[in-house]
N, C-alpha and C. Protein backbone atom coordinates (compact mmCIF):
# COMPACT_ATOMS: atom_id res chain seq x y z
N MET A 1 95.04 126.33 115.92
CA MET A 1 96.38 125.87 115.59
C MET A 1 97.14 127.02 114.91
N GLU A 2 98.40 127.15 115.19
CA GLU A 2 99.20 128.23 114.63
C GLU A 2 99.37 128.06 113.12
N ILE A 3 99.32 129.16 112.42
CA ILE A 3 99.35 129.15 110.96
C ILE A 3 100.65 128.58 110.40
N LYS A 4 101.75 128.86 111.04
CA LYS A 4 103.05 128.35 110.55
C LYS A 4 103.11 126.82 110.62
N ILE A 5 102.51 126.26 111.66
CA ILE A 5 102.47 124.80 111.79
C ILE A 5 101.62 124.21 110.67
N LEU A 6 100.50 124.87 110.36
CA LEU A 6 99.65 124.41 109.26
C LEU A 6 100.40 124.49 107.93
N GLN A 7 101.14 125.58 107.74
CA GLN A 7 101.92 125.72 106.50
C GLN A 7 102.93 124.60 106.37
N GLN A 8 103.62 124.28 107.45
CA GLN A 8 104.60 123.20 107.42
C GLN A 8 103.92 121.86 107.14
N GLY A 9 102.77 121.66 107.77
CA GLY A 9 102.02 120.42 107.56
C GLY A 9 101.59 120.25 106.11
N LEU A 10 101.13 121.35 105.50
CA LEU A 10 100.74 121.29 104.09
C LEU A 10 101.93 120.94 103.21
N SER A 11 103.07 121.51 103.52
CA SER A 11 104.28 121.23 102.74
C SER A 11 104.67 119.76 102.82
N CYS A 12 104.27 119.10 103.90
CA CYS A 12 104.59 117.67 104.10
C CYS A 12 103.42 116.77 103.70
N ASP A 13 102.50 117.30 102.89
CA ASP A 13 101.35 116.54 102.38
C ASP A 13 100.41 116.05 103.48
N ASP A 14 100.28 116.82 104.55
CA ASP A 14 99.43 116.46 105.67
C ASP A 14 97.99 116.94 105.39
N GLU A 15 97.10 115.99 105.11
CA GLU A 15 95.71 116.33 104.81
C GLU A 15 95.00 116.92 106.02
N ALA A 16 95.40 116.52 107.21
CA ALA A 16 94.80 117.07 108.44
C ALA A 16 95.10 118.57 108.55
N ALA A 17 96.28 118.99 108.09
CA ALA A 17 96.63 120.41 108.11
C ALA A 17 95.71 121.19 107.17
N LEU A 18 95.40 120.60 106.01
CA LEU A 18 94.46 121.24 105.08
C LEU A 18 93.08 121.36 105.72
N LYS A 19 92.64 120.32 106.40
CA LYS A 19 91.34 120.33 107.08
C LYS A 19 91.31 121.41 108.16
N ASP A 20 92.39 121.51 108.94
CA ASP A 20 92.47 122.54 109.98
C ASP A 20 92.48 123.94 109.38
N LEU A 21 93.19 124.10 108.27
CA LEU A 21 93.23 125.39 107.58
C LEU A 21 91.83 125.74 107.07
N TYR A 22 91.16 124.76 106.50
CA TYR A 22 89.79 124.95 106.01
C TYR A 22 88.88 125.38 107.16
N ASN A 23 88.95 124.68 108.27
CA ASN A 23 88.10 125.01 109.42
C ASN A 23 88.38 126.41 109.96
N ALA A 24 89.62 126.85 109.88
CA ALA A 24 89.99 128.16 110.39
C ALA A 24 89.58 129.30 109.45
N TYR A 25 89.55 129.06 108.15
CA TYR A 25 89.38 130.15 107.20
C TYR A 25 88.15 130.08 106.29
N ALA A 26 87.51 128.94 106.18
CA ALA A 26 86.43 128.79 105.20
C ALA A 26 85.31 129.81 105.40
N ASP A 27 84.91 130.04 106.64
CA ASP A 27 83.80 130.96 106.89
C ASP A 27 84.16 132.39 106.50
N LYS A 28 85.35 132.84 106.87
CA LYS A 28 85.79 134.20 106.53
C LYS A 28 85.87 134.37 105.01
N LEU A 29 86.44 133.39 104.35
CA LEU A 29 86.59 133.46 102.90
C LEU A 29 85.23 133.37 102.20
N PHE A 30 84.33 132.58 102.76
CA PHE A 30 82.98 132.48 102.20
C PHE A 30 82.31 133.85 102.19
N HIS A 31 82.36 134.56 103.31
CA HIS A 31 81.72 135.87 103.39
C HIS A 31 82.34 136.85 102.39
N PHE A 32 83.62 136.76 102.21
CA PHE A 32 84.30 137.64 101.25
C PHE A 32 83.87 137.29 99.83
N ALA A 33 83.84 136.02 99.49
CA ALA A 33 83.41 135.60 98.15
C ALA A 33 81.94 135.96 97.93
N TYR A 34 81.13 135.75 98.93
CA TYR A 34 79.70 136.06 98.82
C TYR A 34 79.49 137.56 98.58
N ALA A 35 80.30 138.39 99.21
CA ALA A 35 80.19 139.83 99.01
C ALA A 35 80.46 140.21 97.55
N ILE A 36 81.27 139.45 96.88
CA ILE A 36 81.59 139.72 95.48
C ILE A 36 80.57 139.07 94.54
N ILE A 37 80.22 137.82 94.81
CA ILE A 37 79.43 136.99 93.90
C ILE A 37 77.92 137.15 94.08
N HIS A 38 77.45 137.36 95.29
CA HIS A 38 76.01 137.46 95.61
C HIS A 38 75.28 136.13 95.43
N SER A 39 75.96 135.03 95.56
CA SER A 39 75.33 133.72 95.43
C SER A 39 75.96 132.78 96.45
N LYS A 40 75.12 132.25 97.32
CA LYS A 40 75.61 131.37 98.37
C LYS A 40 76.26 130.12 97.79
N GLU A 41 75.57 129.49 96.85
CA GLU A 41 76.07 128.25 96.27
C GLU A 41 77.40 128.47 95.54
N THR A 42 77.46 129.55 94.76
CA THR A 42 78.68 129.83 94.01
C THR A 42 79.82 130.18 94.96
N ALA A 43 79.53 130.94 96.01
CA ALA A 43 80.56 131.28 97.00
C ALA A 43 81.10 130.01 97.66
N GLU A 44 80.22 129.06 97.95
CA GLU A 44 80.67 127.79 98.54
C GLU A 44 81.59 127.03 97.57
N GLU A 45 81.22 127.04 96.29
CA GLU A 45 82.07 126.38 95.28
C GLU A 45 83.42 127.07 95.16
N ILE A 46 83.41 128.38 95.24
CA ILE A 46 84.65 129.15 95.15
C ILE A 46 85.58 128.79 96.31
N ILE A 47 85.02 128.66 97.50
CA ILE A 47 85.84 128.31 98.67
C ILE A 47 86.43 126.91 98.49
N GLU A 48 85.65 126.00 97.94
CA GLU A 48 86.19 124.67 97.65
C GLU A 48 87.35 124.78 96.66
N ASP A 49 87.18 125.62 95.64
CA ASP A 49 88.25 125.82 94.65
C ASP A 49 89.50 126.44 95.29
N VAL A 50 89.29 127.34 96.24
CA VAL A 50 90.42 127.96 96.94
C VAL A 50 91.26 126.89 97.63
N PHE A 51 90.61 125.99 98.35
CA PHE A 51 91.36 124.99 99.10
C PHE A 51 91.92 123.89 98.20
N ILE A 52 91.27 123.66 97.08
CA ILE A 52 91.86 122.74 96.09
C ILE A 52 93.14 123.35 95.56
N LYS A 53 93.11 124.65 95.27
CA LYS A 53 94.30 125.34 94.76
C LYS A 53 95.42 125.32 95.81
N VAL A 54 95.05 125.53 97.07
CA VAL A 54 96.06 125.50 98.15
C VAL A 54 96.69 124.10 98.21
N TRP A 55 95.86 123.08 98.10
CA TRP A 55 96.39 121.71 98.14
C TRP A 55 97.30 121.45 96.94
N GLN A 56 96.92 121.94 95.78
CA GLN A 56 97.73 121.75 94.59
C GLN A 56 99.08 122.45 94.70
N LYS A 57 99.12 123.56 95.41
CA LYS A 57 100.35 124.34 95.57
C LYS A 57 100.96 124.15 96.96
N ARG A 58 100.62 123.05 97.61
CA ARG A 58 101.05 122.81 98.99
C ARG A 58 102.56 122.81 99.18
N SER A 59 103.30 122.43 98.16
CA SER A 59 104.76 122.40 98.31
C SER A 59 105.34 123.81 98.42
N HIS A 60 104.59 124.81 97.98
CA HIS A 60 105.06 126.20 98.04
C HIS A 60 104.47 126.99 99.22
N VAL A 61 103.52 126.39 99.91
CA VAL A 61 102.80 127.09 100.97
C VAL A 61 103.72 127.52 102.12
N ALA A 62 104.70 126.73 102.45
CA ALA A 62 105.59 127.06 103.58
C ALA A 62 106.36 128.35 103.33
N SER A 63 106.59 128.70 102.08
CA SER A 63 107.36 129.90 101.78
C SER A 63 106.50 131.16 101.72
N ILE A 64 105.19 131.03 101.87
CA ILE A 64 104.29 132.19 101.83
C ILE A 64 104.41 132.94 103.15
N GLU A 65 104.67 134.23 103.04
CA GLU A 65 104.90 135.05 104.23
C GLU A 65 103.61 135.31 105.01
N ASN A 66 102.52 135.62 104.31
CA ASN A 66 101.25 135.94 104.96
C ASN A 66 100.16 135.08 104.34
N LEU A 67 99.92 133.93 104.92
CA LEU A 67 98.97 132.97 104.36
C LEU A 67 97.55 133.51 104.36
N THR A 68 97.17 134.27 105.37
CA THR A 68 95.83 134.85 105.41
C THR A 68 95.59 135.73 104.20
N PHE A 69 96.52 136.62 103.93
CA PHE A 69 96.40 137.51 102.77
C PHE A 69 96.36 136.68 101.48
N TYR A 70 97.21 135.68 101.40
CA TYR A 70 97.26 134.80 100.22
C TYR A 70 95.90 134.15 99.98
N LEU A 71 95.25 133.66 101.03
CA LEU A 71 93.95 133.02 100.89
C LEU A 71 92.89 134.01 100.40
N PHE A 72 92.94 135.24 100.91
CA PHE A 72 91.97 136.25 100.45
C PHE A 72 92.22 136.62 98.99
N VAL A 73 93.48 136.70 98.59
CA VAL A 73 93.80 137.03 97.19
C VAL A 73 93.30 135.92 96.26
N ILE A 74 93.53 134.67 96.64
CA ILE A 74 93.03 133.55 95.82
C ILE A 74 91.50 133.63 95.72
N THR A 75 90.85 133.89 96.83
CA THR A 75 89.39 133.98 96.84
C THR A 75 88.92 135.10 95.92
N LYS A 76 89.57 136.25 96.02
CA LYS A 76 89.19 137.38 95.16
C LYS A 76 89.40 137.03 93.69
N ASN A 77 90.53 136.44 93.37
CA ASN A 77 90.83 136.12 91.97
C ASN A 77 89.85 135.09 91.40
N ILE A 78 89.56 134.06 92.15
CA ILE A 78 88.62 133.05 91.66
C ILE A 78 87.22 133.66 91.52
N SER A 79 86.84 134.53 92.46
CA SER A 79 85.53 135.19 92.38
C SER A 79 85.43 136.08 91.14
N TYR A 80 86.45 136.88 90.90
CA TYR A 80 86.44 137.76 89.73
C TYR A 80 86.50 136.96 88.44
N ASN A 81 87.25 135.85 88.44
CA ASN A 81 87.28 134.99 87.26
C ASN A 81 85.90 134.42 86.97
N TYR A 82 85.20 134.05 88.01
CA TYR A 82 83.83 133.57 87.85
C TYR A 82 82.96 134.65 87.22
N LEU A 83 83.05 135.87 87.76
CA LEU A 83 82.23 136.96 87.22
C LEU A 83 82.57 137.24 85.76
N ARG A 84 83.85 137.23 85.42
CA ARG A 84 84.24 137.47 84.03
C ARG A 84 83.72 136.36 83.12
N LYS A 85 83.78 135.15 83.60
CA LYS A 85 83.40 134.01 82.77
C LYS A 85 81.89 133.88 82.62
N TYR A 86 81.15 134.06 83.70
CA TYR A 86 79.72 133.77 83.67
C TYR A 86 78.81 134.99 83.68
N LYS A 87 79.29 136.06 84.20
CA LYS A 87 78.42 137.25 84.30
C LYS A 87 78.83 138.36 83.34
N ARG A 88 80.00 138.24 82.77
CA ARG A 88 80.53 139.26 81.84
C ARG A 88 80.57 140.64 82.49
N LYS A 89 80.79 140.65 83.79
CA LYS A 89 80.85 141.90 84.53
C LYS A 89 82.27 142.06 85.04
N LYS A 90 82.95 143.13 84.63
CA LYS A 90 84.37 143.25 84.96
C LYS A 90 84.64 144.09 86.20
N ASN A 91 83.94 145.20 86.36
CA ASN A 91 84.22 146.08 87.49
C ASN A 91 83.15 145.94 88.55
N ILE A 92 83.59 145.75 89.77
CA ILE A 92 82.67 145.62 90.90
C ILE A 92 82.84 146.85 91.78
N CYS A 93 81.75 147.51 92.05
CA CYS A 93 81.78 148.66 92.95
C CYS A 93 81.63 148.15 94.38
N LEU A 94 82.57 148.48 95.24
CA LEU A 94 82.53 148.00 96.61
C LEU A 94 81.28 148.47 97.34
N ASP A 95 80.72 149.62 96.94
CA ASP A 95 79.51 150.12 97.58
C ASP A 95 78.29 149.28 97.24
N GLU A 96 78.38 148.45 96.20
CA GLU A 96 77.26 147.62 95.80
C GLU A 96 77.38 146.19 96.35
N LEU A 97 78.44 145.90 97.07
CA LEU A 97 78.63 144.55 97.58
C LEU A 97 77.59 144.22 98.64
N SER A 98 77.11 143.02 98.59
CA SER A 98 76.17 142.51 99.58
C SER A 98 76.99 141.82 100.66
N LEU A 99 76.92 142.34 101.86
CA LEU A 99 77.74 141.80 102.95
C LEU A 99 76.87 141.16 104.01
N PRO A 100 77.36 140.08 104.59
CA PRO A 100 76.61 139.48 105.69
C PRO A 100 76.70 140.39 106.91
N TYR A 101 75.75 140.22 107.82
CA TYR A 101 75.82 141.00 109.04
C TYR A 101 77.04 140.59 109.85
N TYR A 102 77.62 141.54 110.50
CA TYR A 102 78.82 141.35 111.29
C TYR A 102 78.39 141.05 112.72
N TYR A 103 78.99 140.05 113.32
CA TYR A 103 78.71 139.71 114.71
C TYR A 103 80.01 139.69 115.50
N VAL A 104 79.97 140.31 116.66
CA VAL A 104 81.12 140.28 117.56
C VAL A 104 80.97 139.04 118.44
N ASN A 105 81.96 138.19 118.43
CA ASN A 105 81.93 137.00 119.29
C ASN A 105 82.29 137.40 120.71
N VAL A 106 81.55 136.88 121.64
CA VAL A 106 81.79 137.22 123.05
C VAL A 106 82.56 136.09 123.70
N SER A 107 83.68 136.44 124.29
CA SER A 107 84.47 135.47 125.04
C SER A 107 84.16 135.67 126.52
N PRO A 108 84.57 134.75 127.35
CA PRO A 108 84.30 134.91 128.79
C PRO A 108 84.87 136.22 129.35
N GLU A 109 85.99 136.67 128.80
CA GLU A 109 86.57 137.93 129.29
C GLU A 109 85.72 139.13 128.91
N ASP A 110 84.93 138.97 127.85
CA ASP A 110 84.12 140.09 127.35
C ASP A 110 82.73 140.15 127.97
N LEU A 111 82.44 139.28 128.92
CA LEU A 111 81.09 139.22 129.47
C LEU A 111 80.68 140.48 130.23
N PHE A 112 81.63 141.34 130.53
CA PHE A 112 81.27 142.58 131.22
C PHE A 112 80.51 143.53 130.30
N ILE A 113 80.60 143.32 129.01
CA ILE A 113 79.83 144.13 128.07
C ILE A 113 78.40 143.59 128.06
N THR A 114 77.45 144.45 128.28
CA THR A 114 76.07 143.99 128.34
C THR A 114 75.58 143.59 126.96
N SER A 115 74.53 142.83 126.96
CA SER A 115 73.92 142.38 125.71
C SER A 115 73.46 143.58 124.89
N GLU A 116 72.93 144.56 125.54
CA GLU A 116 72.44 145.76 124.84
C GLU A 116 73.59 146.51 124.17
N THR A 117 74.69 146.63 124.86
CA THR A 117 75.86 147.31 124.29
C THR A 117 76.38 146.54 123.09
N LEU A 118 76.46 145.23 123.21
CA LEU A 118 76.94 144.38 122.13
C LEU A 118 76.03 144.51 120.91
N GLN A 119 74.72 144.51 121.14
CA GLN A 119 73.78 144.67 120.04
C GLN A 119 73.95 146.03 119.37
N SER A 120 74.20 147.05 120.14
CA SER A 120 74.40 148.39 119.58
C SER A 120 75.67 148.46 118.74
N ILE A 121 76.72 147.79 119.20
CA ILE A 121 77.97 147.76 118.44
C ILE A 121 77.76 147.02 117.12
N ASN A 122 77.09 145.87 117.18
CA ASN A 122 76.79 145.12 115.95
C ASN A 122 75.95 145.96 115.00
N LYS A 123 74.97 146.65 115.55
CA LYS A 123 74.10 147.49 114.71
C LYS A 123 74.92 148.61 114.06
N ALA A 124 75.79 149.24 114.82
CA ALA A 124 76.62 150.31 114.27
C ALA A 124 77.53 149.78 113.16
N ILE A 125 78.10 148.59 113.35
CA ILE A 125 78.95 147.99 112.32
C ILE A 125 78.14 147.70 111.07
N ASN A 126 76.95 147.16 111.24
CA ASN A 126 76.11 146.81 110.10
C ASN A 126 75.55 148.03 109.38
N GLU A 127 75.54 149.18 110.05
CA GLU A 127 75.06 150.41 109.41
C GLU A 127 76.17 151.16 108.68
N LEU A 128 77.40 150.67 108.78
CA LEU A 128 78.49 151.30 108.03
C LEU A 128 78.22 151.13 106.54
N PRO A 129 78.69 152.08 105.72
CA PRO A 129 78.58 151.89 104.27
C PRO A 129 79.29 150.60 103.87
N PRO A 130 78.83 149.93 102.81
CA PRO A 130 79.39 148.62 102.43
C PRO A 130 80.91 148.59 102.30
N GLN A 131 81.50 149.56 101.62
CA GLN A 131 82.95 149.56 101.45
C GLN A 131 83.64 149.71 102.80
N CYS A 132 83.11 150.58 103.62
CA CYS A 132 83.67 150.82 104.94
C CYS A 132 83.56 149.55 105.80
N ARG A 133 82.42 148.87 105.71
CA ARG A 133 82.19 147.66 106.50
C ARG A 133 83.13 146.53 106.08
N ILE A 134 83.33 146.33 104.78
CA ILE A 134 84.20 145.24 104.35
C ILE A 134 85.65 145.53 104.74
N ILE A 135 86.06 146.78 104.65
CA ILE A 135 87.42 147.16 105.07
C ILE A 135 87.58 146.93 106.57
N PHE A 136 86.60 147.36 107.35
CA PHE A 136 86.63 147.17 108.80
C PHE A 136 86.73 145.68 109.13
N LYS A 137 85.92 144.86 108.47
CA LYS A 137 85.90 143.42 108.72
C LYS A 137 87.25 142.79 108.38
N LEU A 138 87.81 143.14 107.23
CA LEU A 138 89.08 142.55 106.82
C LEU A 138 90.21 142.91 107.78
N ILE A 139 90.17 144.13 108.30
CA ILE A 139 91.24 144.56 109.20
C ILE A 139 91.01 144.08 110.63
N LYS A 140 89.82 144.30 111.15
CA LYS A 140 89.58 144.00 112.57
C LYS A 140 89.24 142.53 112.83
N GLU A 141 88.47 141.91 111.96
CA GLU A 141 88.10 140.51 112.22
C GLU A 141 89.11 139.55 111.62
N ASP A 142 89.53 139.82 110.39
CA ASP A 142 90.40 138.88 109.70
C ASP A 142 91.88 139.17 109.90
N GLY A 143 92.20 140.31 110.52
CA GLY A 143 93.57 140.60 110.91
C GLY A 143 94.51 140.99 109.78
N LEU A 144 93.97 141.43 108.66
CA LEU A 144 94.84 141.86 107.57
C LEU A 144 95.39 143.25 107.85
N LYS A 145 96.53 143.55 107.29
CA LYS A 145 97.15 144.86 107.45
C LYS A 145 96.54 145.82 106.43
N TYR A 146 96.65 147.11 106.71
CA TYR A 146 96.10 148.13 105.82
C TYR A 146 96.60 147.95 104.39
N LYS A 147 97.92 147.74 104.25
CA LYS A 147 98.50 147.62 102.90
C LYS A 147 97.98 146.38 102.19
N ASP A 148 97.72 145.30 102.94
CA ASP A 148 97.19 144.08 102.34
C ASP A 148 95.75 144.30 101.86
N VAL A 149 94.95 144.99 102.67
CA VAL A 149 93.57 145.27 102.28
C VAL A 149 93.56 146.19 101.06
N ALA A 150 94.45 147.16 101.03
CA ALA A 150 94.54 148.05 99.86
C ALA A 150 94.86 147.25 98.61
N ALA A 151 95.80 146.34 98.70
CA ALA A 151 96.16 145.51 97.54
C ALA A 151 95.02 144.57 97.16
N LEU A 152 94.39 144.00 98.15
CA LEU A 152 93.30 143.06 97.91
C LEU A 152 92.11 143.71 97.21
N LEU A 153 91.79 144.93 97.61
CA LEU A 153 90.62 145.62 97.07
C LEU A 153 90.98 146.60 95.95
N ASN A 154 92.24 146.63 95.57
CA ASN A 154 92.72 147.55 94.53
C ASN A 154 92.39 149.01 94.87
N LEU A 155 92.68 149.38 96.10
CA LEU A 155 92.45 150.73 96.57
C LEU A 155 93.76 151.33 97.07
N ASN A 156 93.79 152.63 97.15
CA ASN A 156 94.92 153.35 97.71
C ASN A 156 94.94 153.15 99.22
N ILE A 157 96.11 153.07 99.81
CA ILE A 157 96.20 152.86 101.26
C ILE A 157 95.57 154.02 102.02
N LYS A 158 95.60 155.21 101.46
CA LYS A 158 94.95 156.38 102.10
C LYS A 158 93.44 156.17 102.16
N THR A 159 92.88 155.54 101.14
CA THR A 159 91.44 155.24 101.14
C THR A 159 91.12 154.28 102.27
N ILE A 160 91.97 153.27 102.45
CA ILE A 160 91.78 152.31 103.53
C ILE A 160 91.84 153.03 104.88
N GLU A 161 92.84 153.88 105.05
CA GLU A 161 92.98 154.63 106.30
C GLU A 161 91.76 155.51 106.54
N ASN A 162 91.29 156.20 105.50
CA ASN A 162 90.12 157.07 105.64
C ASN A 162 88.87 156.27 105.99
N GLN A 163 88.68 155.12 105.34
CA GLN A 163 87.51 154.29 105.61
C GLN A 163 87.54 153.73 107.04
N MET A 164 88.72 153.34 107.49
CA MET A 164 88.84 152.87 108.88
C MET A 164 88.56 154.02 109.85
N GLY A 165 89.02 155.21 109.51
CA GLY A 165 88.74 156.38 110.34
C GLY A 165 87.25 156.64 110.45
N ILE A 166 86.56 156.55 109.31
CA ILE A 166 85.10 156.72 109.30
C ILE A 166 84.44 155.66 110.17
N ALA A 167 84.86 154.40 109.98
CA ALA A 167 84.27 153.30 110.74
C ALA A 167 84.48 153.50 112.24
N LEU A 168 85.69 153.82 112.63
CA LEU A 168 85.98 153.98 114.06
C LEU A 168 85.26 155.18 114.66
N LYS A 169 85.13 156.27 113.90
CA LYS A 169 84.39 157.45 114.39
C LYS A 169 82.92 157.10 114.60
N LYS A 170 82.32 156.39 113.64
CA LYS A 170 80.91 156.02 113.77
C LYS A 170 80.70 155.06 114.94
N LEU A 171 81.60 154.11 115.09
CA LEU A 171 81.49 153.17 116.22
C LEU A 171 81.68 153.89 117.55
N HIS A 172 82.64 154.80 117.58
CA HIS A 172 82.89 155.58 118.79
C HIS A 172 81.66 156.40 119.15
N ALA A 173 81.06 157.03 118.14
CA ALA A 173 79.87 157.85 118.38
C ALA A 173 78.73 157.00 118.93
N SER A 174 78.54 155.81 118.41
CA SER A 174 77.45 154.96 118.89
C SER A 174 77.72 154.46 120.31
N ILE A 175 78.97 154.19 120.62
CA ILE A 175 79.32 153.75 121.98
C ILE A 175 79.20 154.92 122.95
N GLU A 176 79.56 156.11 122.48
CA GLU A 176 79.46 157.30 123.32
C GLU A 176 78.01 157.56 123.73
N LEU A 177 77.08 157.28 122.81
CA LEU A 177 75.66 157.46 123.12
C LEU A 177 75.21 156.48 124.21
N LEU A 178 75.82 155.30 124.23
CA LEU A 178 75.46 154.29 125.22
C LEU A 178 76.05 154.58 126.59
N LEU A 179 77.17 155.26 126.59
CA LEU A 179 77.90 155.48 127.84
C LEU A 179 78.05 156.97 128.12
N PRO A 180 76.95 157.68 128.38
CA PRO A 180 77.05 159.13 128.57
C PRO A 180 77.91 159.50 129.77
N ALA A 181 77.98 158.66 130.78
CA ALA A 181 78.80 158.97 131.96
C ALA A 181 80.28 158.96 131.61
N ALA A 182 80.66 158.17 130.63
CA ALA A 182 82.07 158.10 130.24
C ALA A 182 82.51 159.36 129.52
N ASN A 183 81.53 160.12 129.01
CA ASN A 183 81.86 161.35 128.28
C ASN A 183 82.21 162.49 129.21
N LYS A 184 81.84 162.38 130.48
CA LYS A 184 82.09 163.46 131.42
C LYS A 184 83.47 163.29 132.03
N SER A 185 84.37 164.07 131.57
CA SER A 185 85.72 164.04 132.08
C SER A 185 85.81 164.93 133.31
N PRO A 186 86.56 164.52 134.32
CA PRO A 186 86.72 165.37 135.49
C PRO A 186 87.48 166.66 135.15
N LEU A 187 88.15 166.68 134.00
CA LEU A 187 88.90 167.86 133.61
C LEU A 187 88.03 168.88 132.89
N LYS A 188 86.85 168.47 132.39
CA LYS A 188 85.97 169.39 131.69
C LYS A 188 85.18 170.22 132.69
N LYS A 189 85.01 171.51 132.35
CA LYS A 189 84.19 172.37 133.19
C LYS A 189 82.76 172.27 132.74
N ASN A 190 81.85 172.17 133.67
CA ASN A 190 80.42 172.07 133.32
C ASN A 190 79.80 173.40 133.16
């Protein structure tokens, strides 16, 4: 369902819109909270708190320009509040985050990619450094913009660009190893 329709539904006190929003975002937000908290149960509670907060502020949801970014910011804030309150830990190093393995979903159009190639891509993504992997996931899977990820993670936009460059170079290198014939350009002299 389109996000703008969900926003309008929430503004009109439509509980089904909240359920649809939950179904669309809960898993993504859970992985993000889990990366910060390192506790499955606590991350699940945080996601519940996120959607309770969205419901409480439903009259203002229609005016939010980027609801995806808004949901990630709420998740980050509730996660950090939890850490401050219960763990007394204020600064989180992105390199120490525990991230779930990344999986590329295969659609019928993508069936031309072999299982082996798909496994290699997943492996290359999972071998990225933690900060690089979370940035890649937020941008490529969750569709956030570079500036939004920079704001969300309290990083400079140049850092985000550099990390995406690293991620894409590593993924390109792993794909290049799988497809040696693609590396031979007819323009290159042997």
